Amino acid sequence: MPQLPNSFDDFKKNAKLNAALMLHMKKGYTLENFKFYFDKGNAAGIYPKYLAPNAKEEVNIPGDLSKAARKLGEAGDFDNPIWPKIIARAKKEINSMCVKDVFPRFYKSDEYKNYCKKEKMGDPKKAAKLLGISNLKLLTSAMEEAAVGNRKEAEKLLTKLLKEEKMKEKAEILLKQLEKAGLC
């Protein structure tokens, strides 16, 4: 199984996965973190949007950063050379928080599962025809579980399917064949 993205920059490399993450963050009321991380604006634009107390899309950053940003922001000192360091560190902190909290929840979410089913899984009808299987529903369920990385559940469903279809092959071998064929 390929390495899962573990930073906003990694997600950005895959537009469809990035869109799934954005949808997950929107539903989880954490989209402001995504927006802040990718905002290329200057301090005068970023501060009132994300860093000012009670900003509409305020992000949660460590107290020392918040205090430094607030001091400069309230003084209107947006040309201060310290701003790029404050913003860069704040973005690093937001990314770290998302690595620990948001991303793990995303990988368990319906948004991620739907992405995997759409982008990683092959056609169950093709697989059924190739394997000589009649229970398309059970095969589809097994392929979906394999596509989202739940190999144990996929093998469990394939074992049930093979028993039902009176096939002597082992679920593990069948799963490897499906993977080799690019179907899950």
Protein backbone atom coordinates (compact mmCIF):
# COMPACT_ATOMS: atom_id res chain seq x y z
CA MET A 1 0.00 0.00 0.00
CA PRO A 2 1.47 3.39 -0.94
CA GLN A 3 2.38 5.93 1.73
CA LEU A 4 -0.57 8.14 2.65
CA PRO A 5 -0.08 11.90 2.41
CA ASN A 6 1.02 13.37 5.70
CA SER A 7 1.11 17.11 5.05
CA PHE A 8 -0.98 19.68 3.25
CA ASP A 9 1.74 19.89 0.59
CA ASP A 10 1.52 16.12 -0.01
CA PHE A 11 -2.25 16.33 -0.42
CA LYS A 12 -1.90 19.16 -2.93
CA LYS A 13 -0.05 16.77 -5.28
CA ASN A 14 -3.31 14.83 -5.86
CA ALA A 15 -6.18 17.15 -6.81
CA LYS A 16 -8.95 14.59 -6.21
CA LEU A 17 -7.60 13.50 -2.84
CA ASN A 18 -7.09 17.15 -1.92
CA ALA A 19 -10.73 17.86 -2.81
CA ALA A 20 -11.85 14.94 -0.61
CA LEU A 21 -9.78 16.35 2.27
CA MET A 22 -11.31 19.80 1.78
CA LEU A 23 -14.81 18.32 1.89
CA HIS A 24 -13.94 16.41 5.06
CA MET A 25 -12.52 19.53 6.68
CA LYS A 26 -15.55 21.58 5.66
CA LYS A 27 -17.87 19.02 7.25
CA GLY A 28 -15.67 18.96 10.36
CA TYR A 29 -15.56 22.76 10.64
CA THR A 30 -11.77 22.87 10.20
CA LEU A 31 -11.54 24.24 6.64
CA GLU A 32 -10.05 27.52 7.92
CA ASN A 33 -6.83 25.59 8.63
CA PHE A 34 -6.61 24.49 4.99
CA LYS A 35 -7.36 27.97 3.71
CA PHE A 36 -4.84 29.58 6.05
CA TYR A 37 -2.10 27.12 5.12
CA PHE A 38 -2.41 27.87 1.42
CA ASP A 39 -3.14 31.61 1.69
CA LYS A 40 -0.34 33.42 -0.16
CA GLY A 41 -1.40 36.86 1.02
CA ASN A 42 0.62 39.28 3.06
CA ALA A 43 0.30 39.99 6.79
CA ALA A 44 -2.21 42.81 6.21
CA GLY A 45 -4.55 40.32 4.53
CA ILE A 46 -3.80 37.22 6.59
CA TYR A 47 -3.99 38.76 10.07
CA PRO A 48 -7.61 39.98 10.02
CA LYS A 49 -8.80 36.85 8.24
CA TYR A 50 -7.12 34.14 10.36
CA LEU A 51 -4.98 35.47 13.21
CA ALA A 52 -6.90 38.35 14.78
CA PRO A 53 -8.94 37.56 17.88
CA ASN A 54 -12.47 36.62 16.77
CA ALA A 55 -11.47 36.57 13.08
CA LYS A 56 -14.18 34.99 10.94
CA GLU A 57 -11.85 32.07 10.11
CA GLU A 58 -9.57 32.23 13.14
CA VAL A 59 -7.03 29.43 13.39
CA ASN A 60 -5.80 28.00 16.65
CA ILE A 61 -2.07 28.68 17.03
CA PRO A 62 0.24 28.60 20.06
CA GLY A 63 -0.11 31.50 22.51
CA ASP A 64 3.31 33.02 21.84
CA LEU A 65 2.57 33.26 18.11
CA SER A 66 -0.91 34.58 18.71
CA LYS A 67 0.44 37.19 21.11
CA ALA A 68 3.17 38.32 18.66
CA ALA A 69 0.70 38.54 15.75
CA ARG A 70 -1.85 40.40 17.86
CA LYS A 71 0.72 42.95 19.06
CA LEU A 72 1.80 43.75 15.51
CA GLY A 73 -1.70 43.50 14.04
CA GLU A 74 -3.33 45.81 16.55
CA ALA A 75 -0.52 48.33 15.99
CA GLY A 76 -1.09 48.11 12.22
CA ASP A 77 2.60 47.23 11.80
CA PHE A 78 2.14 44.97 8.77
CA ASP A 79 5.50 45.92 7.23
CA ASN A 80 7.44 44.57 10.21
CA PRO A 81 10.04 42.05 8.95
CA ILE A 82 9.04 39.54 11.66
CA TRP A 83 5.67 38.83 9.99
CA PRO A 84 6.96 36.23 7.49
CA LYS A 85 8.47 34.23 10.38
CA ILE A 86 5.26 34.43 12.41
CA ILE A 87 3.14 33.32 9.47
CA ALA A 88 5.55 30.54 8.45
CA ARG A 89 5.68 29.16 11.98
CA ALA A 90 1.90 29.43 12.35
CA LYS A 91 1.45 27.45 9.12
CA LYS A 92 3.91 24.84 10.34
CA GLU A 93 1.95 24.55 13.61
CA ILE A 94 -1.35 24.22 11.75
CA ASN A 95 0.10 21.48 9.54
CA SER A 96 1.42 19.64 12.63
CA MET A 97 -1.97 19.84 14.33
CA CYS A 98 -3.67 18.47 11.22
CA VAL A 99 -1.13 15.62 10.95
CA LYS A 100 -2.03 14.57 14.50
CA ASP A 101 -5.78 15.21 14.43
CA VAL A 102 -7.45 16.00 11.11
CA PHE A 103 -5.60 13.65 8.75
CA PRO A 104 -6.10 10.48 10.86
CA ARG A 105 -9.83 11.24 11.07
CA PHE A 106 -9.87 11.90 7.32
CA TYR A 107 -8.43 8.43 6.60
CA LYS A 108 -11.37 6.91 8.49
CA SER A 109 -13.98 9.18 6.90
CA ASP A 110 -16.63 8.57 4.26
CA GLU A 111 -14.93 11.23 2.12
CA TYR A 112 -11.71 9.18 1.99
CA LYS A 113 -13.57 5.91 1.45
CA ASN A 114 -15.56 7.43 -1.40
CA TYR A 115 -12.34 8.76 -2.95
CA CYS A 116 -10.76 5.30 -2.75
CA LYS A 117 -13.77 3.54 -4.20
CA LYS A 118 -13.92 5.97 -7.10
CA GLU A 119 -10.19 6.32 -7.79
CA LYS A 120 -8.59 3.05 -6.72
CA MET A 121 -11.17 0.36 -7.33
CA GLY A 122 -11.78 -1.36 -10.65
CA ASP A 123 -15.05 -2.50 -12.14
CA PRO A 124 -16.66 -5.26 -10.02
CA LYS A 125 -18.57 -6.56 -13.06
CA LYS A 126 -15.28 -7.07 -14.90
CA ALA A 127 -13.81 -8.81 -11.85
CA ALA A 128 -16.86 -11.07 -11.48
CA LYS A 129 -16.68 -12.07 -15.14
CA LEU A 130 -12.93 -12.64 -14.93
CA LEU A 131 -13.27 -14.80 -11.80
CA GLY A 132 -16.53 -16.55 -12.69
CA ILE A 133 -18.38 -15.15 -9.69
CA SER A 134 -22.13 -14.58 -9.61
CA ASN A 135 -22.57 -12.68 -6.31
CA LEU A 136 -21.66 -9.21 -7.55
CA LYS A 137 -22.85 -7.49 -4.38
CA LEU A 138 -20.53 -9.44 -2.07
CA LEU A 139 -17.61 -9.13 -4.49
CA THR A 140 -18.18 -5.37 -4.71
CA SER A 141 -18.17 -5.10 -0.92
CA ALA A 142 -14.90 -7.04 -0.72
CA MET A 143 -13.32 -4.89 -3.43
CA GLU A 144 -14.43 -1.71 -1.65
CA GLU A 145 -12.84 -2.87 1.59
CA ALA A 146 -9.61 -3.70 -0.24
CA ALA A 147 -9.65 -0.30 -1.97
CA VAL A 148 -9.84 1.56 1.34
CA GLY A 149 -7.01 -0.53 2.79
CA ASN A 150 -9.10 -2.84 4.98
CA ARG A 151 -7.42 -6.03 3.82
CA LYS A 152 -8.63 -8.14 6.75
CA GLU A 153 -12.29 -7.33 6.08
CA ALA A 154 -11.77 -7.84 2.33
CA GLU A 155 -10.35 -11.32 2.96
CA LYS A 156 -13.23 -12.13 5.33
CA LEU A 157 -15.79 -11.16 2.67
CA LEU A 158 -13.88 -13.04 -0.04
CA THR A 159 -13.77 -16.15 2.16
CA LYS A 160 -17.55 -15.96 2.53
CA LEU A 161 -17.90 -15.39 -1.22
CA LEU A 162 -15.64 -18.31 -2.14
CA LYS A 163 -17.56 -20.62 0.20
CA GLU A 164 -20.87 -19.44 -1.25
CA GLU A 165 -19.61 -19.87 -4.82
CA LYS A 166 -18.15 -23.32 -3.93
CA MET A 167 -14.70 -22.28 -5.09
CA LYS A 168 -11.60 -23.90 -3.62
CA GLU A 169 -9.29 -20.91 -3.97
CA LYS A 170 -8.11 -19.04 -0.87
CA ALA A 171 -9.30 -15.49 -0.21
CA GLU A 172 -5.74 -14.22 0.15
CA ILE A 173 -4.81 -15.54 -3.30
CA LEU A 174 -7.99 -14.16 -4.84
CA LEU A 175 -7.27 -10.75 -3.33
CA LYS A 176 -3.74 -10.80 -4.74
CA GLN A 177 -5.17 -11.66 -8.18
CA LEU A 178 -7.60 -8.73 -7.97
CA GLU A 179 -4.78 -6.40 -6.93
CA LYS A 180 -2.50 -7.67 -9.72
CA ALA A 181 -5.28 -7.04 -12.23
CA GLY A 182 -5.62 -3.48 -10.86
CA LEU A 183 -9.16 -4.07 -9.67
CA CYS A 184 -8.64 -3.15 -6.00
